[in-house]
PDB file of N, CA and C in Angstrom:
ATOM      1  N   MET A   1     -18.811  12.434  19.150  1.00  0.00           N
ATOM      2  CA  MET A   1     -17.279  11.315  18.444  1.00  0.00           C
ATOM      3  C   MET A   1     -16.460  10.878  19.250  1.00  0.00           C
ATOM      4  N   SER A   2     -16.377   9.805  19.033  1.00  0.00           N
ATOM      5  CA  SER A   2     -15.636   8.537  19.774  1.00  0.00           C
ATOM      6  C   SER A   2     -14.415   8.957  19.858  1.00  0.00           C
ATOM      7  N   ILE A   3     -13.607   8.627  20.856  1.00  0.00           N
ATOM      8  CA  ILE A   3     -12.060   8.439  20.413  1.00  0.00           C
ATOM      9  C   ILE A   3     -11.272   7.989  19.780  1.00  0.00           C
ATOM     10  N   ASP A   4     -11.857   6.652  19.355  1.00  0.00           N
ATOM     11  CA  ASP A   4     -11.083   6.442  18.305  1.00  0.00           C
ATOM     12  C   ASP A   4     -11.867   6.452  16.917  1.00  0.00           C
ATOM     13  N   ALA A   5     -12.490   7.070  16.467  1.00  0.00           N
ATOM     14  CA  ALA A   5     -13.024   7.549  15.227  1.00  0.00           C
ATOM     15  C   ALA A   5     -12.425   7.940  14.168  1.00  0.00           C
ATOM     16  N   HIS A   6     -10.783   8.324  14.072  1.00  0.00           N
ATOM     17  CA  HIS A   6     -10.140   8.858  13.016  1.00  0.00           C
ATOM     18  C   HIS A   6      -9.211   7.736  12.870  1.00  0.00           C
ATOM     19  N   ASP A   7      -9.479   6.303  13.727  1.00  0.00           N
ATOM     20  CA  ASP A   7      -8.056   5.756  13.997  1.00  0.00           C
ATOM     21  C   ASP A   7      -7.881   4.830  12.834  1.00  0.00           C
ATOM     22  N   ASP A   8      -8.438   4.307  11.560  1.00  0.00           N
ATOM     23  CA  ASP A   8      -8.012   3.794  10.526  1.00  0.00           C
ATOM     24  C   ASP A   8      -7.682   5.118   9.636  1.00  0.00           C
ATOM     25  N   ARG A   9      -7.662   6.576  10.061  1.00  0.00           N
ATOM     26  CA  ARG A   9      -7.027   6.887   9.011  1.00  0.00           C
ATOM     27  C   ARG A   9      -5.783   6.753   8.865  1.00  0.00           C
ATOM     28  N   GLN A  10      -4.433   7.552   7.789  1.00  0.00           N
ATOM     29  CA  GLN A  10      -3.612   6.684   7.881  1.00  0.00           C
ATOM     30  C   GLN A  10      -2.772   8.271   7.392  1.00  0.00           C
ATOM     31  N   ARG A  11      -1.500   8.385   7.444  1.00  0.00           N
ATOM     32  CA  ARG A  11      -0.867   9.583   6.329  1.00  0.00           C
ATOM     33  C   ARG A  11       0.661   9.055   6.822  1.00  0.00           C
ATOM     34  N   ARG A  12       1.731   9.959   5.938  1.00  0.00           N
ATOM     35  CA  ARG A  12       3.202   9.896   6.637  1.00  0.00           C
ATOM     36  C   ARG A  12       3.332  10.527   7.822  1.00  0.00           C
ATOM     37  N   CYS A  13       4.233   9.753   8.291  1.00  0.00           N
ATOM     38  CA  CYS A  13       4.434  10.246   9.426  1.00  0.00           C
ATOM     39  C   CYS A  13       6.138  10.899   9.317  1.00  0.00           C
ATOM     40  N   PRO A  14       6.172  12.080   9.319  1.00  0.00           N
ATOM     41  CA  PRO A  14       7.710  12.583   9.368  1.00  0.00           C
ATOM     42  C   PRO A  14       8.359  12.602  10.153  1.00  0.00           C
ATOM     43  N   GLN A  15       8.183  11.782  11.372  1.00  0.00           N
ATOM     44  CA  GLN A  15       8.983  11.127  12.487  1.00  0.00           C
ATOM     45  C   GLN A  15       9.751  10.097  11.840  1.00  0.00           C
ATOM     46  N   LEU A  16       8.745   8.989  11.800  1.00  0.00           N
ATOM     47  CA  LEU A  16       9.307   7.960  11.201  1.00  0.00           C
ATOM     48  C   LEU A  16       9.282   7.399   9.433  1.00  0.00           C
ATOM     49  N   GLY A  17       9.063   8.220   9.090  1.00  0.00           N
ATOM     50  CA  GLY A  17       9.089   8.403   7.458  1.00  0.00           C
ATOM     51  C   GLY A  17       8.357   7.409   6.668  1.00  0.00           C
ATOM     52  N   HIS A  18       7.665   6.901   7.298  1.00  0.00           N
ATOM     53  CA  HIS A  18       6.425   5.787   6.590  1.00  0.00           C
ATOM     54  C   HIS A  18       5.205   5.826   7.190  1.00  0.00           C
ATOM     55  N   ALA A  19       4.156   5.542   6.680  1.00  0.00           N
ATOM     56  CA  ALA A  19       2.628   5.594   6.783  1.00  0.00           C
ATOM     57  C   ALA A  19       2.353   5.115   8.040  1.00  0.00           C
ATOM     58  N   VAL A  20       1.472   5.524   8.933  1.00  0.00           N
ATOM     59  CA  VAL A  20       1.029   5.244  10.575  1.00  0.00           C
ATOM     60  C   VAL A  20      -0.610   5.568  10.572  1.00  0.00           C
ATOM     61  N   PRO A  21      -1.444   5.143  11.088  1.00  0.00           N
ATOM     62  CA  PRO A  21      -2.461   4.921  11.309  1.00  0.00           C
ATOM     63  C   PRO A  21      -2.449   6.115  12.670  1.00  0.00           C
ATOM     64  N   PHE A  22      -4.062   6.964  12.750  1.00  0.00           N
ATOM     65  CA  PHE A  22      -4.003   7.526  13.733  1.00  0.00           C
ATOM     66  C   PHE A  22      -3.874   6.864  15.011  1.00  0.00           C
ATOM     67  N   SER A  23      -4.503   5.655  14.915  1.00  0.00           N
ATOM     68  CA  SER A  23      -4.169   5.239  16.259  1.00  0.00           C
ATOM     69  C   SER A  23      -3.255   5.099  16.748  1.00  0.00           C
ATOM     70  N   TYR A  24      -2.090   5.069  16.245  1.00  0.00           N
ATOM     71  CA  TYR A  24      -0.657   5.042  16.429  1.00  0.00           C
ATOM     72  C   TYR A  24      -0.507   6.229  17.227  1.00  0.00           C
ATOM     73  N   CYS A  25      -0.669   7.522  16.051  1.00  0.00           N
ATOM     74  CA  CYS A  25      -0.241   8.644  16.917  1.00  0.00           C
ATOM     75  C   CYS A  25      -1.092   9.577  18.426  1.00  0.00           C
ATOM     76  N   ARG A  26      -2.058   8.369  18.115  1.00  0.00           N
ATOM     77  CA  ARG A  26      -3.222   8.679  19.483  1.00  0.00           C
ATOM     78  C   ARG A  26      -2.896   8.253  20.696  1.00  0.00           C
ATOM     79  N   GLU A  27      -1.916   7.018  20.722  1.00  0.00           N
ATOM     80  CA  GLU A  27      -1.173   6.351  21.947  1.00  0.00           C
ATOM     81  C   GLU A  27       0.089   6.241  22.293  1.00  0.00           C
ATOM     82  N   MET A  28       0.858   7.055  21.279  1.00  0.00           N
ATOM     83  CA  MET A  28       2.314   6.504  21.050  1.00  0.00           C
ATOM     84  C   MET A  28       3.133   6.775  22.226  1.00  0.00           C
ATOM     85  N   ALA A  29       2.734   7.963  22.946  1.00  0.00           N
ATOM     86  CA  ALA A  29       3.584   8.641  23.975  1.00  0.00           C
ATOM     87  C   ALA A  29       2.793   7.876  25.630  1.00  0.00           C
ATOM     88  N   ASP A  30       3.218   7.162  25.717  1.00  0.00           N
ATOM     89  CA  ASP A  30       2.464   6.323  26.987  1.00  0.00           C
ATOM     90  C   ASP A  30       0.965   6.335  27.395  1.00  0.00           C
ATOM     91  N   GLY A  31       0.458   6.186  25.990  1.00  0.00           N
ATOM     92  CA  GLY A  31      -1.061   6.401  25.905  1.00  0.00           C
ATOM     93  C   GLY A  31      -1.442   7.580  25.604  1.00  0.00           C
ATOM     94  N   LEU A  32      -0.339   8.497  25.322  1.00  0.00           N
ATOM     95  CA  LEU A  32      -1.360   9.788  25.336  1.00  0.00           C
ATOM     96  C   LEU A  32      -0.704  10.048  23.278  1.00  0.00           C
ATOM     97  N   PRO A  33      -1.206  11.089  22.962  1.00  0.00           N
ATOM     98  CA  PRO A  33      -1.163  11.290  21.563  1.00  0.00           C
ATOM     99  C   PRO A  33       0.537  11.932  21.595  1.00  0.00           C
ATOM    100  N   CYS A  34       1.016  11.780  20.409  1.00  0.00           N
ATOM    101  CA  CYS A  34       2.592  12.211  19.925  1.00  0.00           C
ATOM    102  C   CYS A  34       2.113  13.889  19.943  1.00  0.00           C
ATOM    103  N   ARG A  35       3.426  14.423  20.623  1.00  0.00           N
ATOM    104  CA  ARG A  35       2.966  15.747  20.879  1.00  0.00           C
ATOM    105  C   ARG A  35       2.787  16.919  19.578  1.00  0.00           C
ATOM    106  N   ARG A  36       3.100  16.317  18.022  1.00  0.00           N
ATOM    107  CA  ARG A  36       2.664  16.840  17.061  1.00  0.00           C
ATOM    108  C   ARG A  36       1.540  16.282  16.074  1.00  0.00           C
ATOM    109  N   VAL A  37       0.624  15.596  17.201  1.00  0.00           N
ATOM    110  CA  VAL A  37      -0.745  15.381  16.506  1.00  0.00           C
ATOM    111  C   VAL A  37      -1.389  16.458  16.176  1.00  0.00           C
ATOM    112  N   VAL A  38      -1.413  17.331  16.120  1.00  0.00           N
ATOM    113  CA  VAL A  38      -2.163  18.639  15.839  1.00  0.00           C
ATOM    114  C   VAL A  38      -1.602  19.214  14.059  1.00  0.00           C
ATOM    115  N   ASP A  39       0.088  19.313  14.715  1.00  0.00           N
ATOM    116  CA  ASP A  39       0.221  19.792  13.541  1.00  0.00           C
ATOM    117  C   ASP A  39       0.231  18.829  12.301  1.00  0.00           C
ATOM    118  N   CYS A  40       0.233  17.474  12.143  1.00  0.00           N
ATOM    119  CA  CYS A  40       0.331  16.269  11.553  1.00  0.00           C
ATOM    120  C   CYS A  40      -1.006  16.224  10.798  1.00  0.00           C
ATOM    121  N   TRP A  41      -2.327  16.191  11.897  1.00  0.00           N
ATOM    122  CA  TRP A  41      -3.598  15.495  11.395  1.00  0.00           C
ATOM    123  C   TRP A  41      -4.725  16.857  11.207  1.00  0.00           C
ATOM    124  N   GLN A  42      -4.526  18.167  11.435  1.00  0.00           N
ATOM    125  CA  GLN A  42      -4.887  19.172  11.300  1.00  0.00           C
ATOM    126  C   GLN A  42      -5.656  19.535   9.658  1.00  0.00           C
ATOM    127  N   GLY A  43      -4.744  18.953   8.624  1.00  0.00           N
ATOM    128  CA  GLY A  43      -5.428  19.336   7.425  1.00  0.00           C
ATOM    129  C   GLY A  43      -6.601  18.031   7.059  1.00  0.00           C
ATOM    130  N   TYR A  44      -6.402  17.061   7.605  1.00  0.00           N
ATOM    131  CA  TYR A  44      -7.909  15.751   7.814  1.00  0.00           C
ATOM    132  C   TYR A  44      -8.780  15.856   8.561  1.00  0.00           C
ATOM    133  N   PHE A  45      -8.543  16.639   9.608  1.00  0.00           N
ATOM    134  CA  PHE A  45      -9.334  16.856  10.783  1.00  0.00           C
ATOM    135  C   PHE A  45      -9.472  17.665  11.570  1.00  0.00           C
ATOM    136  N   ASP A  46     -10.355  18.233  12.349  1.00  0.00           N
ATOM    137  CA  ASP A  46      -9.960  19.618  13.122  1.00  0.00           C
ATOM    138  C   ASP A  46      -9.429  18.401  14.564  1.00  0.00           C
ATOM    139  N   ALA A  47      -8.333  18.395  14.177  1.00  0.00           N
ATOM    140  CA  ALA A  47      -7.041  17.865  15.212  1.00  0.00           C
ATOM    141  C   ALA A  47      -7.435  18.278  16.622  1.00  0.00           C
ATOM    142  N   ALA A  48      -6.748  20.183  16.423  1.00  0.00           N
ATOM    143  CA  ALA A  48      -7.124  20.570  17.850  1.00  0.00           C
ATOM    144  C   ALA A  48      -8.602  20.135  18.620  1.00  0.00           C
ATOM    145  N   SER A  49      -9.505  20.478  17.821  1.00  0.00           N
ATOM    146  CA  SER A  49     -10.948  20.352  18.893  1.00  0.00           C
ATOM    147  C   SER A  49     -10.904  18.442  19.386  1.00  0.00           C
ATOM    148  N   TYR A  50     -10.806  17.638  18.405  1.00  0.00           N
ATOM    149  CA  TYR A  50     -10.353  16.580  18.723  1.00  0.00           C
ATOM    150  C   TYR A  50      -9.737  16.262  20.226  1.00  0.00           C
ATOM    151  N   VAL A  51      -8.408  17.146  20.245  1.00  0.00           N
ATOM    152  CA  VAL A  51      -7.311  16.916  21.177  1.00  0.00           C
ATOM    153  C   VAL A  51      -8.031  17.475  22.346  1.00  0.00           C
ATOM    154  N   ARG A  52      -9.075  18.830  22.535  1.00  0.00           N
ATOM    155  CA  ARG A  52      -9.464  19.469  24.002  1.00  0.00           C
ATOM    156  C   ARG A  52     -10.457  18.485  23.558  1.00  0.00           C
ATOM    157  N   ASP A  53     -11.328  18.097  23.132  1.00  0.00           N
ATOM    158  CA  ASP A  53     -12.924  17.139  23.715  1.00  0.00           C
ATOM    159  C   ASP A  53     -12.547  16.131  23.908  1.00  0.00           C
ATOM    160  N   HIS A  54     -10.900  15.478  23.794  1.00  0.00           N
ATOM    161  CA  HIS A  54     -10.980  13.758  24.763  1.00  0.00           C
ATOM    162  C   HIS A  54     -10.104  13.923  25.652  1.00  0.00           C
ATOM    163  N   TYR A  55      -9.250  15.086  26.192  1.00  0.00           N
ATOM    164  CA  TYR A  55      -8.464  14.775  26.747  1.00  0.00           C
ATOM    165  C   TYR A  55      -8.097  16.148  27.940  1.00  0.00           C
ATOM    166  N   THR A  56      -7.984  16.148  29.318  1.00  0.00           N
ATOM    167  CA  THR A  56      -7.999  16.990  30.322  1.00  0.00           C
ATOM    168  C   THR A  56      -7.057  17.995  30.250  1.00  0.00           C
ATOM    169  N   PRO A  57      -7.200  18.997  30.615  1.00  0.00           N
ATOM    170  CA  PRO A  57      -5.939  19.920  30.565  1.00  0.00           C
ATOM    171  C   PRO A  57      -4.536  19.325  31.024  1.00  0.00           C
ATOM    172  N   GLU A  58      -4.439  18.736  32.052  1.00  0.00           N
ATOM    173  CA  GLU A  58      -3.572  18.418  32.459  1.00  0.00           C
ATOM    174  C   GLU A  58      -2.435  17.264  31.761  1.00  0.00           C
ATOM    175  N   GLN A  59      -3.706  16.633  30.802  1.00  0.00           N
ATOM    176  CA  GLN A  59      -2.942  15.508  29.736  1.00  0.00           C
ATOM    177  C   GLN A  59      -2.800  16.494  28.660  1.00  0.00           C
ATOM    178  N   ILE A  60      -3.184  17.677  27.870  1.00  0.00           N
ATOM    179  CA  ILE A  60      -3.053  18.555  27.267  1.00  0.00           C
ATOM    180  C   ILE A  60      -1.339  19.181  27.378  1.00  0.00           C
ATOM    181  N   GLN A  61      -1.563  19.605  28.535  1.00  0.00           N
ATOM    182  CA  GLN A  61       0.072  20.189  29.095  1.00  0.00           C
ATOM    183  C   GLN A  61       1.027  18.910  28.888  1.00  0.00           C
ATOM    184  N   ALA A  62       0.866  17.621  29.410  1.00  0.00           N
ATOM    185  CA  ALA A  62       1.700  16.871  29.359  1.00  0.00           C
ATOM    186  C   ALA A  62       2.015  16.113  27.632  1.00  0.00           C
ATOM    187  N   ILE A  63       1.084  16.233  26.809  1.00  0.00           N
ATOM    188  CA  ILE A  63       1.016  15.798  25.456  1.00  0.00           C
ATOM    189  C   ILE A  63       1.981  17.144  24.790  1.00  0.00           C
ATOM    190  N   PHE A  64       1.543  18.336  24.941  1.00  0.00           N
ATOM    191  CA  PHE A  64       2.606  19.241  24.200  1.00  0.00           C
ATOM    192  C   PHE A  64       4.060  19.732  24.848  1.00  0.00           C
ATOM    193  N   THR A  65       3.766  19.514  26.059  1.00  0.00           N
ATOM    194  CA  THR A  65       5.278  19.497  26.909  1.00  0.00           C
ATOM    195  C   THR A  65       6.463  18.843  25.972  1.00  0.00           C
ATOM    196  N   PRO A  66       7.249  19.773  25.789  1.00  0.00           N
ATOM    197  CA  PRO A  66       8.571  19.240  24.710  1.00  0.00           C
ATOM    198  C   PRO A  66       9.246  18.474  25.942  1.00  0.00           C
ATOM    199  N   PRO A  67      10.141  17.280  25.076  1.00  0.00           N
ATOM    200  CA  PRO A  67      10.681  16.509  25.942  1.00  0.00           C
ATOM    201  C   PRO A  67      11.950  16.807  26.334  1.00  0.00           C
ATOM    202  N   GLN A  68      12.950  16.546  27.404  1.00  0.00           N
ATOM    203  CA  GLN A  68      13.596  17.080  28.239  1.00  0.00           C
ATOM    204  C   GLN A  68      15.370  16.822  27.295  1.00  0.00           C
ATOM    205  N   PRO A  69      15.868  17.678  27.363  1.00  0.00           N
ATOM    206  CA  PRO A  69      17.096  17.153  26.137  1.00  0.00           C
ATOM    207  C   PRO A  69      17.732  15.985  26.723  1.00  0.00           C
ATOM    208  N   LYS A  70      18.532  15.045  25.851  1.00  0.00           N
ATOM    209  CA  LYS A  70      19.222  14.180  25.906  1.00  0.00           C
ATOM    210  C   LYS A  70      20.238  14.079  27.082  1.00  0.00           C
ATOM    211  N   ILE A  71      20.714  15.152  27.116  1.00  0.00           N
ATOM    212  CA  ILE A  71      21.763  15.260  27.884  1.00  0.00           C
ATOM    213  C   ILE A  71      21.682  14.925  29.698  1.00  0.00           C
ATOM    214  N   THR A  72      20.322  16.005  29.455  1.00  0.00           N
ATOM    215  CA  THR A  72      19.588  15.956  30.862  1.00  0.00           C
ATOM    216  C   THR A  72      19.409  14.452  31.379  1.00  0.00           C
ATOM    217  N   SER A  73      18.676  13.825  30.399  1.00  0.00           N
ATOM    218  CA  SER A  73      18.399  12.620  31.011  1.00  0.00           C
ATOM    219  C   SER A  73      19.450  11.662  31.179  1.00  0.00           C
ATOM    220  N   ILE A  74      20.651  11.732  29.960  1.00  0.00           N
ATOM    221  CA  ILE A  74      22.117  11.156  30.719  1.00  0.00           C
ATOM    222  C   ILE A  74      22.465  11.143  31.963  1.00  0.00           C
ATOM    223  N   LEU A  75      22.421  12.647  32.387  1.00  0.00           N
ATOM    224  CA  LEU A  75      23.082  13.464  33.346  1.00  0.00           C
ATOM    225  C   LEU A  75      22.030  12.364  34.776  1.00  0.00           C
ATOM    226  N   GLU A  76      20.460  12.137  34.696  1.00  0.00           N
ATOM    227  CA  GLU A  76      20.085  11.739  35.596  1.00  0.00           C
ATOM    228  C   GLU A  76      20.362  10.330  35.985  1.00  0.00           C
ATOM    229  N   MET A  77      20.464   9.491  34.407  1.00  0.00           N
ATOM    230  CA  MET A  77      20.675   8.340  34.861  1.00  0.00           C
ATOM    231  C   MET A  77      22.165   8.039  35.515  1.00  0.00           C
ATOM    232  N   ILE A  78      23.047   8.660  35.641  1.00  0.00           N
ATOM    233  CA  ILE A  78      24.523   8.682  36.000  1.00  0.00           C
ATOM    234  C   ILE A  78      24.273   8.732  37.338  1.00  0.00           C
ATOM    235  N   GLU A  79      22.974   9.854  37.718  1.00  0.00           N
ATOM    236  CA  GLU A  79      22.960  10.332  39.173  1.00  0.00           C
ATOM    237  C   GLU A  79      22.207   9.122  39.743  1.00  0.00           C
ATOM    238  N   GLN A  80      21.527   8.555  39.191  1.00  0.00           N
ATOM    239  CA  GLN A  80      20.500   7.473  40.227  1.00  0.00           C
ATOM    240  C   GLN A  80      21.462   6.248  39.721  1.00  0.00           C
ATOM    241  N   ALA A  81      22.806   5.824  39.307  1.00  0.00           N
ATOM    242  CA  ALA A  81      23.707   5.076  38.838  1.00  0.00           C
ATOM    243  C   ALA A  81      24.346   4.902  40.033  1.00  0.00           C
ATOM    244  N   LYS A  82      25.172   6.429  40.421  1.00  0.00           N
ATOM    245  CA  LYS A  82      25.494   6.506  41.470  1.00  0.00           C
ATOM    246  C   LYS A  82      24.819   6.406  43.086  1.00  0.00           C
ATOM    247  N   LYS A  83      23.755   6.685  43.212  1.00  0.00           N
ATOM    248  CA  LYS A  83      23.011   6.529  44.077  1.00  0.00           C
ATOM    249  C   LYS A  83      22.925   5.148  44.301  1.00  0.00           C
ATOM    250  N   VAL A  84      22.617   4.262  43.588  1.00  0.00           N
ATOM    251  CA  VAL A  84      22.625   2.588  43.612  1.00  0.00           C
ATOM    252  C   VAL A  84      23.977   2.405  43.894  1.00  0.00           C
ATOM    253  N   HIS A  85      24.985   2.586  43.698  1.00  0.00           N
ATOM    254  CA  HIS A  85      25.864   2.208  43.775  1.00  0.00           C
ATOM    255  C   HIS A  85      26.650   2.551  45.017  1.00  0.00           C
ATOM    256  N   ASN A  86      26.263   3.672  45.330  1.00  0.00           N
ATOM    257  CA  ASN A  86      26.572   4.567  47.283  1.00  0.00           C
ATOM    258  C   ASN A  86      25.912   3.654  48.354  1.00  0.00           C
ATOM    259  N   GLU A  87      24.755   3.421  47.691  1.00  0.00           N
ATOM    260  CA  GLU A  87      23.386   2.373  48.507  1.00  0.00           C
ATOM    261  C   GLU A  87      23.857   0.584  48.762  1.00  0.00           C
ATOM    262  N   ALA A  88      24.605   0.326  47.681  1.00  0.00           N
ATOM    263  CA  ALA A  88      25.472  -1.182  47.576  1.00  0.00           C
ATOM    264  C   ALA A  88      26.514  -1.024  48.408  1.00  0.00           C
ATOM    265  N   ASP A  89      27.435  -0.128  48.126  1.00  0.00           N
ATOM    266  CA  ASP A  89      28.480   0.130  49.062  1.00  0.00           C
ATOM    267  C   ASP A  89      28.236   0.276  50.767  1.00  0.00           C
ATOM    268  N   GLU A  90      27.163   0.923  51.047  1.00  0.00           N
ATOM    269  CA  GLU A  90      26.830   1.340  52.429  1.00  0.00           C
ATOM    270  C   GLU A  90      26.581   0.032  53.143  1.00  0.00           C
ATOM    271  N   ARG A  91      25.474  -1.154  52.136  1.00  0.00           N
ATOM    272  CA  ARG A  91      25.248  -2.324  53.005  1.00  0.00           C
ATOM    273  C   ARG A  91      26.308  -3.276  52.929  1.00  0.00           C
ATOM    274  N   ASP A  92      27.624  -3.040  52.003  1.00  0.00           N
ATOM    275  CA  ASP A  92      28.246  -3.840  51.975  1.00  0.00           C
ATOM    276  C   ASP A  92      29.434  -3.435  53.347  1.00  0.00           C
ATOM    277  N   SER A  93      29.367  -2.409  53.570  1.00  0.00           N
ATOM    278  CA  SER A  93      30.333  -1.997  55.255  1.00  0.00           C
ATOM    279  C   SER A  93      29.968  -2.628  56.069  1.00  0.00           C
TER     280      SER A  93
END
């Protein structure tokens, strides 16, 4: 079965609150499926087998790894901004 075989199917996305095609769910996370793809689509087709058949073990791990907490992202951005600021200060000295 091709990777786009279910692309025209639609269902309500619990995250967005409206209907979306499977094609959206299949590519929404940097070209990989949403981490809820199996939970959302299992009742419509064998979504677990679909994922196993079309993605590498590394991709599957990336799909199902929960996102980092927002505070972690914010702290990382602050550290990056400090680094850029310090590098600019060193160049100006």
